[in-house]
Amino acid sequence: SRRALQEQLFEAAAAKEDLMARIDSQKTVAGRMQREADAAIAALQRDLDGAEREFAAEQAELANDQAFYEADAEDMDRNLGVSLEKASEEFHLLEEQRAYEQ
């Protein structure tokens, strides 16, 4: 029976070593997976940062374009106002001339 206890002790020790080796293996796998996940997160963060910079640049470009078009529209509005005023003056002059000729 002492022999049976020794065998059980030997089997328990072997099972413990096997279990410890599997735990170490799992820790290694988990560590590798953690590093891969960290690398993927870092890559995604770089992509996100790049996209945010690109978006900000596009927003700035759109704001510049909008300012340009607004200024252009104001110029066109002013020019149209001046043209209408001149046309109105010319029309009144023509009316006066026509009235004078009749």
PDB file of N, CA and C in Angstrom:
ATOM      1  N   SER A   1       0.827  -1.191   0.000  1.00  0.00           N
ATOM      2  CA  SER A   1       0.000   0.000   0.000  1.00  0.00           C
ATOM      3  C   SER A   1       0.874   1.258   0.000  1.00  0.00           C
ATOM      4  N   ARG A   2       2.071   1.085   0.574  1.00  0.00           N
ATOM      5  CA  ARG A   2       3.015   2.212   0.507  1.00  0.00           C
ATOM      6  C   ARG A   2       3.377   2.465  -0.942  1.00  0.00           C
ATOM      7  N   ARG A   3       3.540   1.401  -1.669  1.00  0.00           N
ATOM      8  CA  ARG A   3       3.882   1.486  -3.091  1.00  0.00           C
ATOM      9  C   ARG A   3       2.755   2.190  -3.852  1.00  0.00           C
ATOM     10  N   ALA A   4       1.498   1.870  -3.531  1.00  0.00           N
ATOM     11  CA  ALA A   4       0.357   2.501  -4.192  1.00  0.00           C
ATOM     12  C   ALA A   4       0.341   3.993  -3.898  1.00  0.00           C
ATOM     13  N   LEU A   5       0.655   4.334  -2.637  1.00  0.00           N
ATOM     14  CA  LEU A   5       0.711   5.766  -2.274  1.00  0.00           C
ATOM     15  C   LEU A   5       1.839   6.465  -3.031  1.00  0.00           C
ATOM     16  N   GLN A   6       2.976   5.786  -3.165  1.00  0.00           N
ATOM     17  CA  GLN A   6       4.089   6.375  -3.907  1.00  0.00           C
ATOM     18  C   GLN A   6       3.699   6.568  -5.378  1.00  0.00           C
ATOM     19  N   GLU A   7       3.006   5.588  -5.947  1.00  0.00           N
ATOM     20  CA  GLU A   7       2.564   5.716  -7.334  1.00  0.00           C
ATOM     21  C   GLU A   7       1.589   6.876  -7.489  1.00  0.00           C
ATOM     22  N   GLN A   8       0.664   6.988  -6.525  1.00  0.00           N
ATOM     23  CA  GLN A   8      -0.302   8.102  -6.580  1.00  0.00           C
ATOM     24  C   GLN A   8       0.425   9.433  -6.441  1.00  0.00           C
ATOM     25  N   LEU A   9       1.399   9.476  -5.552  1.00  0.00           N
ATOM     26  CA  LEU A   9       2.185  10.697  -5.366  1.00  0.00           C
ATOM     27  C   LEU A   9       2.953  11.019  -6.637  1.00  0.00           C
ATOM     28  N   PHE A  10       3.563  10.001  -7.264  1.00  0.00           N
ATOM     29  CA  PHE A  10       4.293  10.202  -8.515  1.00  0.00           C
ATOM     30  C   PHE A  10       3.335  10.685  -9.614  1.00  0.00           C
ATOM     31  N   GLU A  11       2.158  10.065  -9.717  1.00  0.00           N
ATOM     32  CA  GLU A  11       1.173  10.473 -10.713  1.00  0.00           C
ATOM     33  C   GLU A  11       0.685  11.899 -10.454  1.00  0.00           C
ATOM     34  N   ALA A  12       0.471  12.225  -9.182  1.00  0.00           N
ATOM     35  CA  ALA A  12       0.025  13.583  -8.829  1.00  0.00           C
ATOM     36  C   ALA A  12       1.103  14.598  -9.182  1.00  0.00           C
ATOM     37  N   ALA A  13       2.362  14.250  -8.918  1.00  0.00           N
ATOM     38  CA  ALA A  13       3.471  15.152  -9.253  1.00  0.00           C
ATOM     39  C   ALA A  13       3.566  15.325 -10.769  1.00  0.00           C
ATOM     40  N   ALA A  14       3.400  14.233 -11.512  1.00  0.00           N
ATOM     41  CA  ALA A  14       3.463  14.309 -12.975  1.00  0.00           C
ATOM     42  C   ALA A  14       2.285  15.126 -13.493  1.00  0.00           C
ATOM     43  N   ALA A  15       1.113  14.914 -12.927  1.00  0.00           N
ATOM     44  CA  ALA A  15      -0.065  15.688 -13.335  1.00  0.00           C
ATOM     45  C   ALA A  15       0.140  17.169 -13.029  1.00  0.00           C
ATOM     46  N   LYS A  16       0.746  17.438 -11.860  1.00  0.00           N
ATOM     47  CA  LYS A  16       1.016  18.838 -11.484  1.00  0.00           C
ATOM     48  C   LYS A  16       1.989  19.468 -12.483  1.00  0.00           C
ATOM     49  N   GLU A  17       3.046  18.741 -12.847  1.00  0.00           N
ATOM     50  CA  GLU A  17       4.015  19.276 -13.803  1.00  0.00           C
ATOM     51  C   GLU A  17       3.371  19.499 -15.169  1.00  0.00           C
ATOM     52  N   ASP A  18       2.533  18.529 -15.561  1.00  0.00           N
ATOM     53  CA  ASP A  18       1.819  18.676 -16.836  1.00  0.00           C
ATOM     54  C   ASP A  18       0.917  19.901 -16.801  1.00  0.00           C
ATOM     55  N   LEU A  19       0.209  20.041 -15.700  1.00  0.00           N
ATOM     56  CA  LEU A  19      -0.684  21.193 -15.538  1.00  0.00           C
ATOM     57  C   LEU A  19       0.117  22.503 -15.544  1.00  0.00           C
ATOM     58  N   MET A  20       1.234  22.535 -14.860  1.00  0.00           N
ATOM     59  CA  MET A  20       2.075  23.736 -14.824  1.00  0.00           C
ATOM     60  C   MET A  20       2.614  24.054 -16.223  1.00  0.00           C
ATOM     61  N   ALA A  21       2.990  23.013 -16.970  1.00  0.00           N
ATOM     62  CA  ALA A  21       3.486  23.225 -18.334  1.00  0.00           C
ATOM     63  C   ALA A  21       2.360  23.772 -19.209  1.00  0.00           C
ATOM     64  N   ARG A  22       1.142  23.237 -19.050  1.00  0.00           N
ATOM     65  CA  ARG A  22       0.011  23.744 -19.834  1.00  0.00           C
ATOM     66  C   ARG A  22      -0.312  25.182 -19.447  1.00  0.00           C
ATOM     67  N   ILE A  23      -0.229  25.487 -18.162  1.00  0.00           N
ATOM     68  CA  ILE A  23      -0.475  26.871 -17.715  1.00  0.00           C
ATOM     69  C   ILE A  23       0.567  27.805 -18.326  1.00  0.00           C
ATOM     70  N   ASP A  24       1.840  27.394 -18.285  1.00  0.00           N
ATOM     71  CA  ASP A  24       2.898  28.211 -18.891  1.00  0.00           C
ATOM     72  C   ASP A  24       2.653  28.403 -20.384  1.00  0.00           C
ATOM     73  N   SER A  25       2.231  27.330 -21.056  1.00  0.00           N
ATOM     74  CA  SER A  25       1.936  27.413 -22.485  1.00  0.00           C
ATOM     75  C   SER A  25       0.784  28.387 -22.731  1.00  0.00           C
ATOM     76  N   GLN A  26      -0.250  28.275 -21.904  1.00  0.00           N
ATOM     77  CA  GLN A  26      -1.398  29.179 -22.041  1.00  0.00           C
ATOM     78  C   GLN A  26      -0.987  30.623 -21.771  1.00  0.00           C
ATOM     79  N   LYS A  27      -0.111  30.814 -20.781  1.00  0.00           N
ATOM     80  CA  LYS A  27       0.389  32.169 -20.502  1.00  0.00           C
ATOM     81  C   LYS A  27       1.155  32.707 -21.706  1.00  0.00           C
ATOM     82  N   THR A  28       1.949  31.838 -22.341  1.00  0.00           N
ATOM     83  CA  THR A  28       2.702  32.247 -23.524  1.00  0.00           C
ATOM     84  C   THR A  28       1.751  32.625 -24.655  1.00  0.00           C
ATOM     85  N   VAL A  29       0.741  31.763 -24.873  1.00  0.00           N
ATOM     86  CA  VAL A  29      -0.252  32.041 -25.919  1.00  0.00           C
ATOM     87  C   VAL A  29      -1.011  33.323 -25.589  1.00  0.00           C
ATOM     88  N   ALA A  30      -1.421  33.453 -24.330  1.00  0.00           N
ATOM     89  CA  ALA A  30      -2.163  34.659 -23.918  1.00  0.00           C
ATOM     90  C   ALA A  30      -1.295  35.906 -24.082  1.00  0.00           C
ATOM     91  N   GLY A  31      -0.018  35.790 -23.741  1.00  0.00           N
ATOM     92  CA  GLY A  31       0.893  36.929 -23.904  1.00  0.00           C
ATOM     93  C   GLY A  31       1.043  37.317 -25.367  1.00  0.00           C
ATOM     94  N   ARG A  32       1.179  36.295 -26.234  1.00  0.00           N
ATOM     95  CA  ARG A  32       1.286  36.571 -27.675  1.00  0.00           C
ATOM     96  C   ARG A  32       0.003  37.213 -28.186  1.00  0.00           C
ATOM     97  N   MET A  33      -1.134  36.671 -27.768  1.00  0.00           N
ATOM     98  CA  MET A  33      -2.414  37.238 -28.197  1.00  0.00           C
ATOM     99  C   MET A  33      -2.566  38.678 -27.700  1.00  0.00           C
ATOM    100  N   GLN A  34      -2.108  38.929 -26.475  1.00  0.00           N
ATOM    101  CA  GLN A  34      -2.179  40.286 -25.925  1.00  0.00           C
ATOM    102  C   GLN A  34      -1.311  41.233 -26.747  1.00  0.00           C
ATOM    103  N   ARG A  35      -0.106  40.784 -27.095  1.00  0.00           N
ATOM    104  CA  ARG A  35       0.783  41.636 -27.905  1.00  0.00           C
ATOM    105  C   ARG A  35       0.181  41.889 -29.283  1.00  0.00           C
ATOM    106  N   GLU A  36      -0.414  40.842 -29.882  1.00  0.00           N
ATOM    107  CA  GLU A  36      -1.053  41.015 -31.190  1.00  0.00           C
ATOM    108  C   GLU A  36      -2.237  41.981 -31.094  1.00  0.00           C
ATOM    109  N   ALA A  37      -3.022  41.834 -30.026  1.00  0.00           N
ATOM    110  CA  ALA A  37      -4.162  42.739 -29.837  1.00  0.00           C
ATOM    111  C   ALA A  37      -3.670  44.167 -29.624  1.00  0.00           C
ATOM    112  N   ASP A  38      -2.621  44.331 -28.825  1.00  0.00           N
ATOM    113  CA  ASP A  38      -2.061  45.671 -28.596  1.00  0.00           C
ATOM    114  C   ASP A  38      -1.555  46.280 -29.907  1.00  0.00           C
ATOM    115  N   ALA A  39      -0.907  45.454 -30.733  1.00  0.00           N
ATOM    116  CA  ALA A  39      -0.402  45.947 -32.021  1.00  0.00           C
ATOM    117  C   ALA A  39      -1.569  46.332 -32.934  1.00  0.00           C
ATOM    118  N   ALA A  40      -2.620  45.515 -32.930  1.00  0.00           N
ATOM    119  CA  ALA A  40      -3.788  45.833 -33.762  1.00  0.00           C
ATOM    120  C   ALA A  40      -4.459  47.115 -33.279  1.00  0.00           C
ATOM    121  N   ILE A  41      -4.559  47.277 -31.972  1.00  0.00           N
ATOM    122  CA  ILE A  41      -5.155  48.500 -31.412  1.00  0.00           C
ATOM    123  C   ILE A  41      -4.301  49.707 -31.781  1.00  0.00           C
ATOM    124  N   ALA A  42      -2.987  49.565 -31.679  1.00  0.00           N
ATOM    125  CA  ALA A  42      -2.090  50.674 -32.033  1.00  0.00           C
ATOM    126  C   ALA A  42      -2.229  51.031 -33.508  1.00  0.00           C
ATOM    127  N   ALA A  43      -2.344  50.010 -34.371  1.00  0.00           N
ATOM    128  CA  ALA A  43      -2.509  50.268 -35.808  1.00  0.00           C
ATOM    129  C   ALA A  43      -3.836  50.978 -36.063  1.00  0.00           C
ATOM    130  N   LEU A  44      -4.885  50.509 -35.404  1.00  0.00           N
ATOM    131  CA  LEU A  44      -6.186  51.168 -35.566  1.00  0.00           C
ATOM    132  C   LEU A  44      -6.135  52.604 -35.059  1.00  0.00           C
ATOM    133  N   GLN A  45      -5.435  52.833 -33.955  1.00  0.00           N
ATOM    134  CA  GLN A  45      -5.321  54.189 -33.418  1.00  0.00           C
ATOM    135  C   GLN A  45      -4.573  55.080 -34.401  1.00  0.00           C
ATOM    136  N   ARG A  46      -3.503  54.528 -35.023  1.00  0.00           N
ATOM    137  CA  ARG A  46      -2.774  55.322 -36.028  1.00  0.00           C
ATOM    138  C   ARG A  46      -3.687  55.640 -37.207  1.00  0.00           C
ATOM    139  N   ASP A  47      -4.456  54.634 -37.645  1.00  0.00           N
ATOM    140  CA  ASP A  47      -5.398  54.864 -38.749  1.00  0.00           C
ATOM    141  C   ASP A  47      -6.419  55.935 -38.372  1.00  0.00           C
ATOM    142  N   LEU A  48      -6.934  55.842 -37.148  1.00  0.00           N
ATOM    143  CA  LEU A  48      -7.915  56.815 -36.679  1.00  0.00           C
ATOM    144  C   LEU A  48      -7.298  58.209 -36.607  1.00  0.00           C
ATOM    145  N   ASP A  49      -6.083  58.294 -36.073  1.00  0.00           N
ATOM    146  CA  ASP A  49      -5.403  59.588 -35.994  1.00  0.00           C
ATOM    147  C   ASP A  49      -5.204  60.174 -37.390  1.00  0.00           C
ATOM    148  N   GLY A  50      -4.790  59.324 -38.329  1.00  0.00           N
ATOM    149  CA  GLY A  50      -4.601  59.785 -39.708  1.00  0.00           C
ATOM    150  C   GLY A  50      -5.914  60.253 -40.318  1.00  0.00           C
ATOM    151  N   ALA A  51      -6.981  59.490 -40.072  1.00  0.00           N
ATOM    152  CA  ALA A  51      -8.294  59.867 -40.607  1.00  0.00           C
ATOM    153  C   ALA A  51      -8.765  61.184 -39.989  1.00  0.00           C
ATOM    154  N   GLU A  52      -8.510  61.358 -38.690  1.00  0.00           N
ATOM    155  CA  GLU A  52      -8.900  62.613 -38.041  1.00  0.00           C
ATOM    156  C   GLU A  52      -8.121  63.793 -38.609  1.00  0.00           C
ATOM    157  N   ARG A  53      -6.824  63.592 -38.860  1.00  0.00           N
ATOM    158  CA  ARG A  53      -6.023  64.675 -39.461  1.00  0.00           C
ATOM    159  C   ARG A  53      -6.535  64.993 -40.862  1.00  0.00           C
ATOM    160  N   GLU A  54      -6.823  63.940 -41.626  1.00  0.00           N
ATOM    161  CA  GLU A  54      -7.329  64.132 -42.989  1.00  0.00           C
ATOM    162  C   GLU A  54      -8.681  64.852 -42.962  1.00  0.00           C
ATOM    163  N   PHE A  55      -9.540  64.455 -42.027  1.00  0.00           N
ATOM    164  CA  PHE A  55     -10.856  65.090 -41.893  1.00  0.00           C
ATOM    165  C   PHE A  55     -10.696  66.564 -41.521  1.00  0.00           C
ATOM    166  N   ALA A  56      -9.795  66.848 -40.586  1.00  0.00           N
ATOM    167  CA  ALA A  56      -9.569  68.239 -40.174  1.00  0.00           C
ATOM    168  C   ALA A  56      -9.040  69.069 -41.345  1.00  0.00           C
ATOM    169  N   ALA A  57      -8.153  68.472 -42.143  1.00  0.00           N
ATOM    170  CA  ALA A  57      -7.614  69.185 -43.308  1.00  0.00           C
ATOM    171  C   ALA A  57      -8.727  69.446 -44.321  1.00  0.00           C
ATOM    172  N   GLU A  58      -9.586  68.444 -44.527  1.00  0.00           N
ATOM    173  CA  GLU A  58     -10.702  68.630 -45.460  1.00  0.00           C
ATOM    174  C   GLU A  58     -11.675  69.689 -44.946  1.00  0.00           C
ATOM    175  N   GLN A  59     -11.917  69.691 -43.634  1.00  0.00           N
ATOM    176  CA  GLN A  59     -12.806  70.703 -43.048  1.00  0.00           C
ATOM    177  C   GLN A  59     -12.223  72.104 -43.252  1.00  0.00           C
ATOM    178  N   ALA A  60     -10.910  72.231 -43.049  1.00  0.00           N
ATOM    179  CA  ALA A  60     -10.260  73.529 -43.235  1.00  0.00           C
ATOM    180  C   ALA A  60     -10.351  73.953 -44.705  1.00  0.00           C
ATOM    181  N   GLU A  61     -10.154  72.999 -45.606  1.00  0.00           N
ATOM    182  CA  GLU A  61     -10.241  73.303 -47.039  1.00  0.00           C
ATOM    183  C   GLU A  61     -11.671  73.736 -47.400  1.00  0.00           C
ATOM    184  N   LEU A  62     -12.645  73.020 -46.852  1.00  0.00           N
ATOM    185  CA  LEU A  62     -14.044  73.389 -47.112  1.00  0.00           C
ATOM    186  C   LEU A  62     -14.356  74.773 -46.556  1.00  0.00           C
ATOM    187  N   ALA A  63     -13.843  75.082 -45.368  1.00  0.00           N
ATOM    188  CA  ALA A  63     -14.069  76.401 -44.783  1.00  0.00           C
ATOM    189  C   ALA A  63     -13.446  77.490 -45.656  1.00  0.00           C
ATOM    190  N   ASN A  64     -12.243  77.223 -46.185  1.00  0.00           N
ATOM    191  CA  ASN A  64     -11.597  78.185 -47.085  1.00  0.00           C
ATOM    192  C   ASN A  64     -12.411  78.357 -48.360  1.00  0.00           C
ATOM    193  N   ASP A  65     -12.864  77.225 -48.916  1.00  0.00           N
ATOM    194  CA  ASP A  65     -13.689  77.291 -50.126  1.00  0.00           C
ATOM    195  C   ASP A  65     -14.965  78.084 -49.863  1.00  0.00           C
ATOM    196  N   GLN A  66     -15.590  77.807 -48.727  1.00  0.00           N
ATOM    197  CA  GLN A  66     -16.832  78.502 -48.396  1.00  0.00           C
ATOM    198  C   GLN A  66     -16.588  80.004 -48.268  1.00  0.00           C
ATOM    199  N   ALA A  67     -15.508  80.376 -47.596  1.00  0.00           N
ATOM    200  CA  ALA A  67     -15.184  81.799 -47.443  1.00  0.00           C
ATOM    201  C   ALA A  67     -14.953  82.437 -48.814  1.00  0.00           C
ATOM    202  N   PHE A  68     -14.242  81.712 -49.699  1.00  0.00           N
ATOM    203  CA  PHE A  68     -13.993  82.233 -51.038  1.00  0.00           C
ATOM    204  C   PHE A  68     -15.308  82.432 -51.791  1.00  0.00           C
ATOM    205  N   TYR A  69     -16.182  81.415 -51.755  1.00  0.00           N
ATOM    206  CA  TYR A  69     -17.445  81.509 -52.490  1.00  0.00           C
ATOM    207  C   TYR A  69     -18.363  82.576 -51.897  1.00  0.00           C
ATOM    208  N   GLU A  70     -18.332  82.726 -50.575  1.00  0.00           N
ATOM    209  CA  GLU A  70     -19.138  83.781 -49.962  1.00  0.00           C
ATOM    210  C   GLU A  70     -18.636  85.156 -50.389  1.00  0.00           C
ATOM    211  N   ALA A  71     -17.318  85.339 -50.392  1.00  0.00           N
ATOM    212  CA  ALA A  71     -16.747  86.620 -50.823  1.00  0.00           C
ATOM    213  C   ALA A  71     -17.060  86.854 -52.304  1.00  0.00           C
ATOM    214  N   ASP A  72     -16.964  85.808 -53.111  1.00  0.00           N
ATOM    215  CA  ASP A  72     -17.271  85.921 -54.534  1.00  0.00           C
ATOM    216  C   ASP A  72     -18.741  86.288 -54.732  1.00  0.00           C
ATOM    217  N   ALA A  73     -19.614  85.650 -53.943  1.00  0.00           N
ATOM    218  CA  ALA A  73     -21.047  85.953 -54.043  1.00  0.00           C
ATOM    219  C   ALA A  73     -21.320  87.394 -53.632  1.00  0.00           C
ATOM    220  N   GLU A  74     -20.631  87.869 -52.593  1.00  0.00           N
ATOM    221  CA  GLU A  74     -20.797  89.270 -52.170  1.00  0.00           C
ATOM    222  C   GLU A  74     -20.344  90.217 -53.279  1.00  0.00           C
ATOM    223  N   ASP A  75     -19.206  89.895 -53.909  1.00  0.00           N
ATOM    224  CA  ASP A  75     -18.723  90.718 -55.024  1.00  0.00           C
ATOM    225  C   ASP A  75     -19.733  90.729 -56.165  1.00  0.00           C
ATOM    226  N   MET A  76     -20.250  89.549 -56.503  1.00  0.00           N
ATOM    227  CA  MET A  76     -21.229  89.464 -57.586  1.00  0.00           C
ATOM    228  C   MET A  76     -22.492  90.253 -57.223  1.00  0.00           C
ATOM    229  N   ASP A  77     -22.905  90.160 -55.968  1.00  0.00           N
ATOM    230  CA  ASP A  77     -24.089  90.878 -55.511  1.00  0.00           C
ATOM    231  C   ASP A  77     -23.866  92.390 -55.620  1.00  0.00           C
ATOM    232  N   ARG A  78     -22.675  92.835 -55.184  1.00  0.00           N
ATOM    233  CA  ARG A  78     -22.336  94.265 -55.284  1.00  0.00           C
ATOM    234  C   ARG A  78     -22.320  94.702 -56.745  1.00  0.00           C
ATOM    235  N   ASN A  79     -21.648  93.907 -57.597  1.00  0.00           N
ATOM    236  CA  ASN A  79     -21.561  94.242 -59.027  1.00  0.00           C
ATOM    237  C   ASN A  79     -22.937  94.276 -59.669  1.00  0.00           C
ATOM    238  N   LEU A  80     -23.783  93.312 -59.306  1.00  0.00           N
ATOM    239  CA  LEU A  80     -25.137  93.290 -59.839  1.00  0.00           C
ATOM    240  C   LEU A  80     -25.904  94.530 -59.395  1.00  0.00           C
ATOM    241  N   GLY A  81     -25.712  94.898 -58.117  1.00  0.00           N
ATOM    242  CA  GLY A  81     -26.372  96.107 -57.605  1.00  0.00           C
ATOM    243  C   GLY A  81     -25.938  97.345 -58.371  1.00  0.00           C
ATOM    244  N   VAL A  82     -24.645  97.441 -58.629  1.00  0.00           N
ATOM    245  CA  VAL A  82     -24.116  98.585 -59.374  1.00  0.00           C
ATOM    246  C   VAL A  82     -24.665  98.558 -60.799  1.00  0.00           C
ATOM    247  N   SER A  83     -24.670  97.375 -61.409  1.00  0.00           N
ATOM    248  CA  SER A  83     -25.177  97.261 -62.783  1.00  0.00           C
ATOM    249  C   SER A  83     -26.653  97.626 -62.846  1.00  0.00           C
ATOM    250  N   LEU A  84     -27.421  97.162 -61.886  1.00  0.00           N
ATOM    251  CA  LEU A  84     -28.855  97.493 -61.864  1.00  0.00           C
ATOM    252  C   LEU A  84     -29.058  98.989 -61.677  1.00  0.00           C
ATOM    253  N   GLU A  85     -28.238  99.573 -60.802  1.00  0.00           N
ATOM    254  CA  GLU A  85     -28.344 101.020 -60.569  1.00  0.00           C
ATOM    255  C   GLU A  85     -28.023 101.791 -61.853  1.00  0.00           C
ATOM    256  N   LYS A  86     -26.959 101.381 -62.545  1.00  0.00           N
ATOM    257  CA  LYS A  86     -26.600 102.039 -63.808  1.00  0.00           C
ATOM    258  C   LYS A  86     -27.707 101.850 -64.849  1.00  0.00           C
ATOM    259  N   ALA A  87     -28.219 100.608 -64.952  1.00  0.00           N
ATOM    260  CA  ALA A  87     -29.277 100.337 -65.918  1.00  0.00           C
ATOM    261  C   ALA A  87     -30.514 101.175 -65.597  1.00  0.00           C
ATOM    262  N   SER A  88     -30.819 101.318 -64.317  1.00  0.00           N
ATOM    263  CA  SER A  88     -31.975 102.115 -63.907  1.00  0.00           C
ATOM    264  C   SER A  88     -31.753 103.588 -64.280  1.00  0.00           C
ATOM    265  N   GLU A  89     -30.540 104.082 -64.038  1.00  0.00           N
ATOM    266  CA  GLU A  89     -30.231 105.473 -64.394  1.00  0.00           C
ATOM    267  C   GLU A  89     -30.335 105.669 -65.904  1.00  0.00           C
ATOM    268  N   GLU A  90     -29.780 104.717 -66.667  1.00  0.00           N
ATOM    269  CA  GLU A  90     -29.841 104.822 -68.131  1.00  0.00           C
ATOM    270  C   GLU A  90     -31.285 104.767 -68.612  1.00  0.00           C
ATOM    271  N   PHE A  91     -32.097 103.908 -67.971  1.00  0.00           N
ATOM    272  CA  PHE A  91     -33.497 103.810 -68.349  1.00  0.00           C
ATOM    273  C   PHE A  91     -34.210 105.137 -68.105  1.00  0.00           C
ATOM    274  N   HIS A  92     -33.949 105.757 -66.943  1.00  0.00           N
ATOM    275  CA  HIS A  92     -34.576 107.051 -66.635  1.00  0.00           C
ATOM    276  C   HIS A  92     -34.114 108.126 -67.614  1.00  0.00           C
ATOM    277  N   LEU A  93     -32.819 108.091 -67.964  1.00  0.00           N
ATOM    278  CA  LEU A  93     -32.315 109.055 -68.938  1.00  0.00           C
ATOM    279  C   LEU A  93     -32.994 108.863 -70.287  1.00  0.00           C
ATOM    280  N   LEU A  94     -33.145 107.583 -70.694  1.00  0.00           N
ATOM    281  CA  LEU A  94     -33.837 107.303 -71.952  1.00  0.00           C
ATOM    282  C   LEU A  94     -35.290 107.768 -71.898  1.00  0.00           C
ATOM    283  N   GLU A  95     -35.938 107.543 -70.745  1.00  0.00           N
ATOM    284  CA  GLU A  95     -37.324 107.993 -70.594  1.00  0.00           C
ATOM    285  C   GLU A  95     -37.407 109.521 -70.709  1.00  0.00           C
ATOM    286  N   GLU A  96     -36.466 110.194 -70.022  1.00  0.00           N
ATOM    287  CA  GLU A  96     -36.454 111.651 -70.089  1.00  0.00           C
ATOM    288  C   GLU A  96     -36.182 112.120 -71.510  1.00  0.00           C
ATOM    289  N   GLN A  97     -35.227 111.446 -72.172  1.00  0.00           N
ATOM    290  CA  GLN A  97     -34.925 111.824 -73.553  1.00  0.00           C
ATOM    291  C   GLN A  97     -36.142 111.606 -74.455  1.00  0.00           C
ATOM    292  N   ARG A  98     -36.833 110.495 -74.291  1.00  0.00           N
ATOM    293  CA  ARG A  98     -38.003 110.179 -75.088  1.00  0.00           C
ATOM    294  C   ARG A  98     -39.106 111.213 -74.825  1.00  0.00           C
ATOM    295  N   ALA A  99     -39.279 111.538 -73.543  1.00  0.00           N
ATOM    296  CA  ALA A  99     -40.299 112.514 -73.195  1.00  0.00           C
ATOM    297  C   ALA A  99     -39.945 113.875 -73.796  1.00  0.00           C
ATOM    298  N   TYR A 100     -38.699 114.215 -73.782  1.00  0.00           N
ATOM    299  CA  TYR A 100     -38.235 115.490 -74.334  1.00  0.00           C
ATOM    300  C   TYR A 100     -38.435 115.526 -75.853  1.00  0.00           C
ATOM    301  N   GLU A 101     -38.176 114.369 -76.528  1.00  0.00           N
ATOM    302  CA  GLU A 101     -38.297 114.310 -77.966  1.00  0.00           C
ATOM    303  C   GLU A 101     -39.751 114.382 -78.408  1.00  0.00           C
ATOM    304  N   GLN A 102     -40.660 113.990 -77.560  1.00  0.00           N
ATOM    305  CA  GLN A 102     -42.095 113.988 -77.969  1.00  0.00           C
ATOM    306  C   GLN A 102     -42.729 115.306 -77.804  1.00  0.00           C
TER     307      GLN A 102
END
